[in-house]
Amino acid sequence: MTKLRLFVTLFLCTECFLSLGAQRFPDRSGRLAEMRQSVWKEWCVELAKQQPVSPLEFAPLSDGRIVAWNLPDSLEPQAVMNFRSGTKGICPGEGWPCYLYLHGSGPRDSEWETGWKLAQRFADAPSAYVIPQIPNEGKWYRWWQRSKLWAWNHLLRMLLARPDVDASRLYLFGISEGAYGSQRLASYYADYFAAAGPMAGGEPLKNAPVENLGNLAFSFLTGSEDVMFYRNVLTQNTAKALDSIASLYPGKYHHRVEIIPGRAHHIDYSPTTPWLSRHRRAAQPQHFLWENFEVDSLKRNAFYNLQVLSETDAYRTSYEFKADAGNLITIGVKAVEYTTTFTDPWWDIDMFFDRIYTPAAHGRLRIFLSEELVDLERPVTVTVNGRCLFHGRLKPSREVMLQSARLWGDPLRLFPAAVEVEW
């Protein structure tokens, strides 16, 4: 990145944050707002220096401008991920709503071209689009493999650092193979996206736990006759799971899952982005569930405001976080074990399963907190699995805020305080 581009990026990034900070993070004294401005500026400098890929173009989407990223050979040999990106309409004052579209399987050039053409037709302007092309075919044709996770980690930070992108309105969707990718990645990265919309897909639920979608709006459209790999059945399983968990947590798990009558793999794709566009991200929810699961053998080390420092030796770990008005933080941590109850013999897909939850025997967490979650002027109590592990005042710290910036790269999650607990 040239010095001039670096200067412009930092200036715009800082100016945008200065203008929005007071709205996003109300603080009577102004001390935390000033701290956030300083920390965000420092993070933008770090990001610009360490970013190993080129910034994306935000010219009109119809221009079809392409930027290429070289993915690490250690993750995928000779992998170049091309991006088409751009905008439609006039940028809103708060920044562009940004859509990440994942294309389907087939010849990668034509699938990518089709995705770019569809994006121009969808009725979601004003909007920005990022449309990646899968780097390789064959065994590398999965949007959730490690090489792609490397790309998503850099992409999310890059987008959130842009002053012309609305950090509360990132959306993820895709068709066919892109549906599998967007369903799995929506659960994995649920803390970054406002909404997600797979179409014509259907993951087994152990690949995309619905528990993680409590604060992410979820749309899923599949044809009733889309029988290959049991896409229709697996979509119905997702609908049942979301209906069930939404009944347990009223007001959360907002979803629309529809089986389109009489349609096979090809359906009308146009209703998804207008539905997604109505939703904004809750970056610091008072309550969330998180099943920390592996994608291509990699787990997340942080989700919303929790950072995992050590985890019990289990296949997966489930967390439930609650912050109430009494300055009480309640966290439940459980080990999760899956038992498959039915595997389809034709496609070798694990269709149904049972889960067993047991309290986690040990673990260590760093819990990031802000004035949106607790009253920082009063003592905070933290309990884990019914045990009180902390009670006391938390002192806002610039270093803690910088830690959270480095951890998530998210202007909506600059936490001034943190507490570490172990059991």
Protein backbone atom coordinates (compact mmCIF):
# COMPACT_ATOMS: atom_id res chain seq x y z
CA MET A 1 0.00 0.00 0.00
CA THR A 2 1.47 3.41 -0.96
CA LYS A 3 2.07 6.07 1.68
CA LEU A 4 -0.56 8.30 0.07
CA ARG A 5 -3.18 5.53 0.09
CA LEU A 6 -2.26 4.68 3.69
CA PHE A 7 -2.68 8.34 4.72
CA VAL A 8 -6.05 8.66 2.98
CA THR A 9 -7.30 5.39 4.46
CA LEU A 10 -6.30 6.38 7.99
CA PHE A 11 -7.74 9.88 7.63
CA LEU A 12 -11.09 8.65 6.35
CA CYS A 13 -11.22 5.79 8.85
CA THR A 14 -10.58 8.18 11.76
CA GLU A 15 -12.98 10.85 10.53
CA CYS A 16 -15.76 8.28 10.08
CA PHE A 17 -15.20 6.93 13.56
CA LEU A 18 -15.16 10.39 15.10
CA SER A 19 -18.51 11.19 13.53
CA LEU A 20 -20.18 7.92 14.49
CA GLY A 21 -18.55 7.17 17.81
CA ALA A 22 -20.83 9.32 19.94
CA GLN A 23 -23.92 7.68 18.47
CA ARG A 24 -22.66 4.13 18.82
CA PHE A 25 -21.03 4.47 22.23
CA PRO A 26 -22.79 7.04 24.44
CA ASP A 27 -20.62 8.13 27.36
CA ARG A 28 -21.47 11.05 29.67
CA SER A 29 -17.93 12.07 30.42
CA GLY A 30 -16.67 11.58 26.91
CA ARG A 31 -13.60 9.73 28.22
CA LEU A 32 -14.50 6.43 26.63
CA ALA A 33 -15.45 8.10 23.34
CA GLU A 34 -12.06 9.80 23.20
CA MET A 35 -10.32 6.54 24.07
CA ARG A 36 -12.16 4.73 21.29
CA GLN A 37 -11.18 7.37 18.77
CA SER A 38 -7.53 7.02 19.71
CA VAL A 39 -7.60 3.21 19.76
CA TRP A 40 -9.42 2.96 16.44
CA LYS A 41 -6.88 5.24 14.80
CA GLU A 42 -4.04 3.11 16.15
CA TRP A 43 -5.72 -0.08 14.97
CA CYS A 44 -6.19 1.36 11.47
CA VAL A 45 -2.46 2.10 11.33
CA GLU A 46 -1.63 -1.47 12.40
CA LEU A 47 -4.05 -3.01 9.93
CA ALA A 48 -2.80 -0.97 7.00
CA LYS A 49 0.80 -1.99 7.74
CA GLN A 50 0.14 -5.69 8.25
CA GLN A 51 -2.52 -6.35 5.59
CA PRO A 52 -1.03 -8.95 3.18
CA VAL A 53 -3.63 -8.40 0.44
CA SER A 54 -4.73 -5.56 -1.82
CA PRO A 55 -7.74 -3.41 -0.89
CA LEU A 56 -10.94 -4.03 -2.83
CA GLU A 57 -12.30 -1.58 -5.37
CA PHE A 58 -15.59 0.19 -4.64
CA ALA A 59 -16.28 1.64 -8.06
CA PRO A 60 -19.72 1.00 -9.64
CA LEU A 61 -20.39 -2.74 -9.56
CA SER A 62 -21.22 -2.72 -13.26
CA ASP A 63 -17.59 -1.83 -14.04
CA GLY A 64 -16.61 -5.38 -13.11
CA ARG A 65 -13.29 -4.40 -11.56
CA ILE A 66 -11.19 -7.33 -10.32
CA VAL A 67 -8.71 -7.59 -7.47
CA ALA A 68 -6.64 -10.77 -6.92
CA TRP A 69 -5.50 -12.19 -3.59
CA ASN A 70 -2.78 -14.84 -3.35
CA LEU A 71 -3.74 -17.34 -0.65
CA PRO A 72 -0.96 -19.03 1.35
CA ASP A 73 0.51 -22.05 -0.46
CA SER A 74 0.65 -23.85 2.88
CA LEU A 75 -3.15 -23.76 2.99
CA GLU A 76 -3.96 -24.30 -0.69
CA PRO A 77 -1.33 -24.68 -3.43
CA GLN A 78 -1.35 -22.09 -6.20
CA ALA A 79 -4.58 -20.50 -5.01
CA VAL A 80 -5.54 -17.06 -6.27
CA MET A 81 -8.89 -15.71 -5.10
CA ASN A 82 -10.28 -13.12 -7.49
CA PHE A 83 -12.84 -10.59 -6.31
CA ARG A 84 -15.35 -8.48 -8.15
CA SER A 85 -16.55 -5.70 -5.89
CA GLY A 86 -18.43 -2.48 -6.27
CA THR A 87 -21.49 -0.45 -5.41
CA LYS A 88 -25.04 0.29 -6.58
CA GLY A 89 -26.82 3.60 -5.97
CA ILE A 90 -25.71 6.48 -3.75
CA CYS A 91 -23.83 5.79 -0.53
CA PRO A 92 -26.01 6.38 2.57
CA GLY A 93 -24.69 8.71 5.22
CA GLU A 94 -23.92 5.83 7.58
CA GLY A 95 -22.03 3.89 4.88
CA TRP A 96 -22.78 1.08 2.44
CA PRO A 97 -24.69 -2.04 3.44
CA CYS A 98 -22.27 -4.70 2.19
CA TYR A 99 -23.18 -8.12 0.74
CA LEU A 100 -20.75 -11.04 0.48
CA TYR A 101 -22.00 -13.41 -2.25
CA LEU A 102 -20.72 -17.00 -2.64
CA HIS A 103 -21.31 -18.61 -6.02
CA GLY A 104 -22.30 -22.20 -6.78
CA SER A 105 -20.34 -25.18 -8.03
CA GLY A 106 -19.67 -25.79 -11.70
CA PRO A 107 -17.20 -24.10 -14.04
CA ARG A 108 -15.75 -21.43 -11.78
CA ASP A 109 -15.54 -18.73 -14.45
CA SER A 110 -19.18 -18.97 -15.51
CA GLU A 111 -20.44 -19.33 -11.93
CA TRP A 112 -18.54 -16.22 -10.89
CA GLU A 113 -19.82 -14.30 -13.92
CA THR A 114 -23.39 -15.35 -13.15
CA GLY A 115 -23.05 -14.17 -9.54
CA TRP A 116 -21.81 -10.77 -10.69
CA LYS A 117 -24.76 -10.40 -13.10
CA LEU A 118 -27.29 -11.48 -10.45
CA ALA A 119 -25.87 -9.02 -7.94
CA GLN A 120 -26.49 -6.16 -10.35
CA ARG A 121 -30.15 -7.16 -10.70
CA PHE A 122 -31.05 -7.76 -7.04
CA ALA A 123 -33.29 -5.03 -5.59
CA ASP A 124 -31.11 -4.01 -2.66
CA ALA A 125 -29.59 -0.65 -3.70
CA PRO A 126 -27.97 1.30 -2.21
CA SER A 127 -25.51 -1.49 -1.58
CA ALA A 128 -21.93 -2.65 -1.92
CA TYR A 129 -20.99 -6.14 -3.09
CA VAL A 130 -17.99 -8.39 -2.62
CA ILE A 131 -18.10 -11.38 -4.98
CA PRO A 132 -15.18 -13.81 -4.63
CA GLN A 133 -14.28 -16.51 -7.14
CA ILE A 134 -13.39 -19.93 -5.77
CA PRO A 135 -9.63 -20.31 -6.46
CA ASN A 136 -9.66 -23.96 -7.57
CA GLU A 137 -12.03 -26.76 -8.45
CA GLY A 138 -12.12 -30.44 -7.43
CA LYS A 139 -11.39 -31.11 -3.77
CA TRP A 140 -10.70 -27.40 -3.14
CA TYR A 141 -14.21 -26.35 -4.13
CA ARG A 142 -15.48 -25.49 -0.64
CA TRP A 143 -16.03 -22.02 0.73
CA TRP A 144 -15.20 -23.07 4.29
CA GLN A 145 -11.74 -24.64 3.83
CA ARG A 146 -8.77 -23.24 5.75
CA SER A 147 -7.46 -21.20 2.84
CA LYS A 148 -10.83 -19.48 2.53
CA LEU A 149 -11.05 -18.92 6.29
CA TRP A 150 -7.73 -17.09 5.98
CA ALA A 151 -9.33 -14.90 3.29
CA TRP A 152 -12.52 -14.28 5.31
CA ASN A 153 -10.54 -13.24 8.39
CA HIS A 154 -8.69 -10.60 6.37
CA LEU A 155 -11.78 -9.57 4.41
CA LEU A 156 -13.93 -8.96 7.48
CA ARG A 157 -11.30 -6.74 9.08
CA MET A 158 -10.73 -4.88 5.83
CA LEU A 159 -14.45 -4.18 5.34
CA LEU A 160 -15.03 -3.12 8.93
CA ALA A 161 -12.11 -0.70 8.74
CA ARG A 162 -13.53 1.04 5.67
CA PRO A 163 -15.19 4.36 6.55
CA ASP A 164 -17.66 3.92 3.70
CA VAL A 165 -19.05 0.58 4.98
CA ASP A 166 -21.79 0.40 7.63
CA ALA A 167 -20.29 -1.96 10.22
CA SER A 168 -23.76 -2.94 11.41
CA ARG A 169 -24.87 -4.11 7.95
CA LEU A 170 -22.65 -6.91 6.65
CA TYR A 171 -24.63 -9.69 4.93
CA LEU A 172 -23.66 -13.17 3.75
CA PHE A 173 -25.52 -15.26 1.19
CA GLY A 174 -24.98 -17.78 -1.58
CA ILE A 175 -26.51 -20.28 -3.99
CA SER A 176 -26.02 -24.08 -4.13
CA GLU A 177 -22.38 -24.66 -3.09
CA GLY A 178 -22.51 -21.06 -1.93
CA ALA A 179 -25.53 -21.98 0.19
CA TYR A 180 -23.54 -24.66 1.97
CA GLY A 181 -20.76 -22.18 2.50
CA SER A 182 -22.97 -19.35 3.68
CA GLN A 183 -24.96 -21.59 6.05
CA ARG A 184 -21.84 -23.01 7.68
CA LEU A 185 -19.99 -19.68 7.78
CA ALA A 186 -23.05 -17.83 9.11
CA SER A 187 -22.96 -20.02 12.20
CA TYR A 188 -19.17 -19.80 12.47
CA TYR A 189 -18.96 -16.00 12.03
CA ALA A 190 -22.39 -15.10 13.42
CA ASP A 191 -20.94 -12.26 15.50
CA TYR A 192 -19.87 -10.36 12.36
CA PHE A 193 -22.99 -10.51 10.18
CA ALA A 194 -26.37 -8.84 10.49
CA ALA A 195 -28.11 -11.52 8.42
CA ALA A 196 -27.42 -14.49 6.17
CA GLY A 197 -29.35 -16.12 3.33
CA PRO A 198 -28.37 -19.50 1.85
CA MET A 199 -30.42 -20.64 -1.14
CA ALA A 200 -30.80 -24.13 -2.65
CA GLY A 201 -28.63 -25.87 -0.11
CA GLY A 202 -28.92 -27.78 3.15
CA GLU A 203 -26.22 -28.59 5.67
CA PRO A 204 -26.51 -31.24 8.37
CA LEU A 205 -27.05 -29.20 11.52
CA LYS A 206 -23.86 -30.38 13.20
CA ASN A 207 -22.02 -28.45 10.43
CA ALA A 208 -23.92 -25.24 11.21
CA PRO A 209 -25.38 -25.16 14.75
CA VAL A 210 -28.46 -22.95 14.86
CA GLU A 211 -27.69 -22.00 18.47
CA ASN A 212 -25.19 -19.43 17.18
CA LEU A 213 -27.83 -17.55 15.18
CA GLY A 214 -29.68 -15.91 18.07
CA ASN A 215 -28.64 -12.39 17.02
CA LEU A 216 -28.32 -12.98 13.28
CA ALA A 217 -31.40 -12.87 11.02
CA PHE A 218 -31.51 -16.01 8.88
CA SER A 219 -33.26 -16.62 5.57
CA PHE A 220 -33.19 -20.02 3.85
CA LEU A 221 -34.96 -20.86 0.57
CA THR A 222 -34.88 -24.33 -1.04
CA GLY A 223 -37.10 -26.07 -3.60
CA SER A 224 -39.41 -28.85 -2.40
CA GLU A 225 -38.11 -31.09 -5.21
CA ASP A 226 -34.42 -30.35 -4.54
CA VAL A 227 -33.73 -33.92 -3.47
CA MET A 228 -30.04 -34.32 -4.33
CA PHE A 229 -28.01 -34.69 -1.11
CA TYR A 230 -31.38 -34.33 0.66
CA ARG A 231 -31.22 -30.54 0.41
CA ASN A 232 -34.99 -30.25 0.93
CA VAL A 233 -34.96 -32.51 4.00
CA LEU A 234 -31.94 -30.80 5.55
CA THR A 235 -33.51 -27.39 4.97
CA GLN A 236 -36.63 -28.63 6.75
CA ASN A 237 -34.43 -29.84 9.62
CA THR A 238 -33.00 -26.33 9.90
CA ALA A 239 -36.50 -24.86 9.95
CA LYS A 240 -37.60 -27.20 12.75
CA ALA A 241 -34.49 -26.49 14.80
CA LEU A 242 -34.91 -22.72 14.44
CA ASP A 243 -38.63 -22.86 15.24
CA SER A 244 -37.84 -24.88 18.35
CA ILE A 245 -35.09 -22.66 19.72
CA ALA A 246 -37.01 -19.48 18.85
CA SER A 247 -39.87 -20.70 21.05
CA LEU A 248 -37.42 -21.02 23.95
CA TYR A 249 -36.00 -17.52 23.47
CA PRO A 250 -38.81 -15.16 22.38
CA GLY A 251 -37.63 -12.18 20.38
CA LYS A 252 -34.48 -13.92 19.22
CA TYR A 253 -33.65 -16.29 16.34
CA HIS A 254 -35.47 -14.24 13.73
CA HIS A 255 -35.73 -16.48 10.68
CA ARG A 256 -37.54 -17.19 7.45
CA VAL A 257 -37.11 -20.73 6.11
CA GLU A 258 -39.26 -21.64 3.11
CA ILE A 259 -39.58 -24.79 1.04
CA ILE A 260 -40.64 -23.53 -2.40
CA PRO A 261 -43.45 -25.78 -3.76
CA GLY A 262 -42.82 -27.54 -7.05
CA ARG A 263 -39.29 -26.22 -7.52
CA ALA A 264 -36.11 -28.27 -7.74
CA HIS A 265 -32.59 -26.86 -7.57
CA HIS A 266 -33.42 -23.66 -9.45
CA ILE A 267 -35.56 -21.18 -7.52
CA ASP A 268 -36.22 -17.45 -7.57
CA TYR A 269 -33.15 -15.89 -5.94
CA SER A 270 -34.43 -12.30 -5.88
CA PRO A 271 -36.34 -12.28 -2.55
CA THR A 272 -33.28 -12.87 -0.35
CA THR A 273 -31.27 -9.64 -0.30
CA PRO A 274 -34.29 -7.32 0.20
CA TRP A 275 -35.15 -9.43 3.27
CA LEU A 276 -31.58 -9.36 4.56
CA SER A 277 -31.35 -5.61 4.09
CA ARG A 278 -33.96 -4.96 6.79
CA HIS A 279 -31.67 -6.18 9.56
CA ARG A 280 -28.81 -4.66 11.52
CA ARG A 281 -26.20 -6.40 13.62
CA ALA A 282 -26.42 -6.48 17.41
CA ALA A 283 -22.68 -6.34 18.07
CA GLN A 284 -22.92 -6.49 21.87
CA PRO A 285 -25.96 -8.62 22.72
CA GLN A 286 -27.09 -9.02 26.33
CA HIS A 287 -27.63 -12.72 25.68
CA PHE A 288 -26.23 -15.27 23.24
CA LEU A 289 -25.54 -18.96 22.80
CA TRP A 290 -22.33 -20.17 21.17
CA GLU A 291 -21.43 -23.70 20.19
CA ASN A 292 -17.72 -23.49 19.39
CA PHE A 293 -17.36 -25.94 16.52
CA GLU A 294 -14.62 -26.77 14.05
CA VAL A 295 -14.64 -25.70 10.43
CA ASP A 296 -11.93 -27.60 8.55
CA SER A 297 -10.46 -28.50 11.99
CA LEU A 298 -10.29 -24.86 13.11
CA LYS A 299 -12.29 -23.41 16.01
CA ARG A 300 -12.88 -19.74 16.71
CA ASN A 301 -11.02 -18.39 19.72
CA ALA A 302 -13.48 -15.55 20.34
CA PHE A 303 -17.17 -14.82 19.77
CA TYR A 304 -19.10 -11.61 20.50
CA ASN A 305 -17.35 -10.53 23.74
CA LEU A 306 -15.87 -13.85 24.90
CA GLN A 307 -12.26 -14.90 24.30
CA VAL A 308 -11.38 -18.54 24.92
CA LEU A 309 -8.02 -18.86 26.68
CA SER A 310 -8.37 -22.54 27.53
CA GLU A 311 -11.10 -25.04 26.80
CA THR A 312 -12.05 -28.40 28.22
CA ASP A 313 -10.95 -31.40 26.15
CA ALA A 314 -14.22 -32.01 24.36
CA TYR A 315 -15.41 -32.39 20.81
CA ARG A 316 -17.19 -29.06 21.17
CA THR A 317 -17.95 -26.55 23.89
CA SER A 318 -21.21 -24.69 24.39
CA TYR A 319 -21.41 -21.25 26.01
CA GLU A 320 -24.39 -19.23 27.18
CA PHE A 321 -23.76 -15.59 28.09
CA LYS A 322 -26.19 -13.33 29.93
CA ALA A 323 -25.78 -9.77 31.21
CA ASP A 324 -28.61 -8.43 33.37
CA ALA A 325 -29.46 -5.03 34.78
CA GLY A 326 -28.07 -5.97 38.18
CA ASN A 327 -24.48 -6.01 36.85
CA LEU A 328 -24.51 -9.79 36.97
CA ILE A 329 -22.75 -11.71 34.21
CA THR A 330 -23.89 -15.33 34.06
CA ILE A 331 -22.06 -17.83 31.87
CA GLY A 332 -22.85 -21.49 31.37
CA VAL A 333 -20.12 -23.65 29.85
CA LYS A 334 -20.79 -27.23 28.76
CA ALA A 335 -18.94 -29.93 26.88
CA VAL A 336 -20.92 -31.19 23.88
CA GLU A 337 -20.78 -34.73 22.54
CA TYR A 338 -22.59 -35.77 19.35
CA THR A 339 -24.01 -39.20 18.65
CA THR A 340 -25.24 -39.84 15.11
CA THR A 341 -28.57 -41.63 15.13
CA PHE A 342 -29.05 -41.99 11.37
CA THR A 343 -26.61 -41.84 8.45
CA ASP A 344 -28.06 -42.00 4.96
CA PRO A 345 -26.46 -44.99 3.22
CA TRP A 346 -26.73 -43.51 -0.28
CA TRP A 347 -25.02 -40.15 0.19
CA ASP A 348 -23.29 -41.03 3.49
CA ILE A 349 -24.73 -37.94 5.19
CA ASP A 350 -25.29 -37.80 8.95
CA MET A 351 -28.93 -36.77 8.93
CA PHE A 352 -29.92 -37.00 12.60
CA PHE A 353 -28.06 -37.04 15.88
CA ASP A 354 -28.35 -36.64 19.65
CA ARG A 355 -26.30 -34.26 21.77
CA ILE A 356 -25.18 -34.80 25.35
CA TYR A 357 -24.24 -31.77 27.46
CA THR A 358 -22.11 -31.96 30.60
CA PRO A 359 -20.74 -29.05 32.65
CA ALA A 360 -17.23 -28.19 31.50
CA ALA A 361 -14.76 -29.49 34.05
CA HIS A 362 -12.30 -26.68 33.48
CA GLY A 363 -11.66 -23.70 31.28
CA ARG A 364 -10.42 -20.12 31.15
CA LEU A 365 -12.17 -17.12 29.60
CA ARG A 366 -11.54 -13.45 29.10
CA ILE A 367 -14.85 -11.56 29.19
CA PHE A 368 -14.81 -8.15 27.52
CA LEU A 369 -17.34 -5.64 28.85
CA SER A 370 -18.58 -2.16 28.00
CA GLU A 371 -21.07 0.41 29.24
CA GLU A 372 -23.61 -1.20 26.89
CA LEU A 373 -23.43 -4.45 28.89
CA VAL A 374 -22.81 -3.30 32.48
CA ASP A 375 -22.61 -0.18 34.62
CA LEU A 376 -18.85 0.32 34.83
CA GLU A 377 -19.31 2.64 37.82
CA ARG A 378 -20.52 -0.24 40.00
CA PRO A 379 -19.10 -3.66 40.97
CA VAL A 380 -19.60 -6.48 38.48
CA THR A 381 -20.28 -10.09 39.44
CA VAL A 382 -19.33 -12.98 37.16
CA THR A 383 -20.59 -16.52 37.69
CA VAL A 384 -19.66 -19.58 35.63
CA ASN A 385 -21.70 -22.75 35.96
CA GLY A 386 -23.25 -21.41 39.16
CA ARG A 387 -19.94 -20.46 40.84
CA CYS A 388 -19.06 -16.86 41.60
CA LEU A 389 -15.59 -16.34 40.11
CA PHE A 390 -15.33 -12.55 40.24
CA HIS A 391 -16.86 -9.63 42.10
CA GLY A 392 -15.46 -6.13 41.93
CA ARG A 393 -15.01 -2.90 40.01
CA LEU A 394 -13.56 -2.91 36.50
CA LYS A 395 -11.28 -0.07 35.49
CA PRO A 396 -11.54 1.03 31.85
CA SER A 397 -8.24 0.59 30.08
CA ARG A 398 -6.87 1.70 26.74
CA GLU A 399 -4.81 -1.48 26.52
CA VAL A 400 -7.90 -3.65 26.97
CA MET A 401 -9.67 -1.67 24.26
CA LEU A 402 -6.71 -2.18 21.93
CA GLN A 403 -6.76 -5.91 22.71
CA SER A 404 -10.38 -6.08 21.61
CA ALA A 405 -9.59 -4.12 18.43
CA ARG A 406 -6.85 -6.60 17.55
CA LEU A 407 -9.02 -9.57 18.42
CA TRP A 408 -12.06 -8.65 16.29
CA GLY A 409 -11.06 -5.64 14.17
CA ASP A 410 -14.55 -4.31 14.75
CA PRO A 411 -15.47 -0.66 15.48
CA LEU A 412 -18.62 -1.84 17.26
CA ARG A 413 -16.65 -4.00 19.71
CA LEU A 414 -14.06 -1.72 21.29
CA PHE A 415 -14.45 -2.90 24.87
CA PRO A 416 -12.88 -0.76 27.62
CA ALA A 417 -12.85 -3.44 30.34
CA ALA A 418 -12.25 -7.15 30.72
CA VAL A 419 -12.14 -9.78 33.42
CA GLU A 420 -10.42 -13.17 33.24
CA VAL A 421 -11.91 -16.18 34.99
CA GLU A 422 -10.73 -19.76 35.40
CA TRP A 423 -12.40 -22.82 36.91
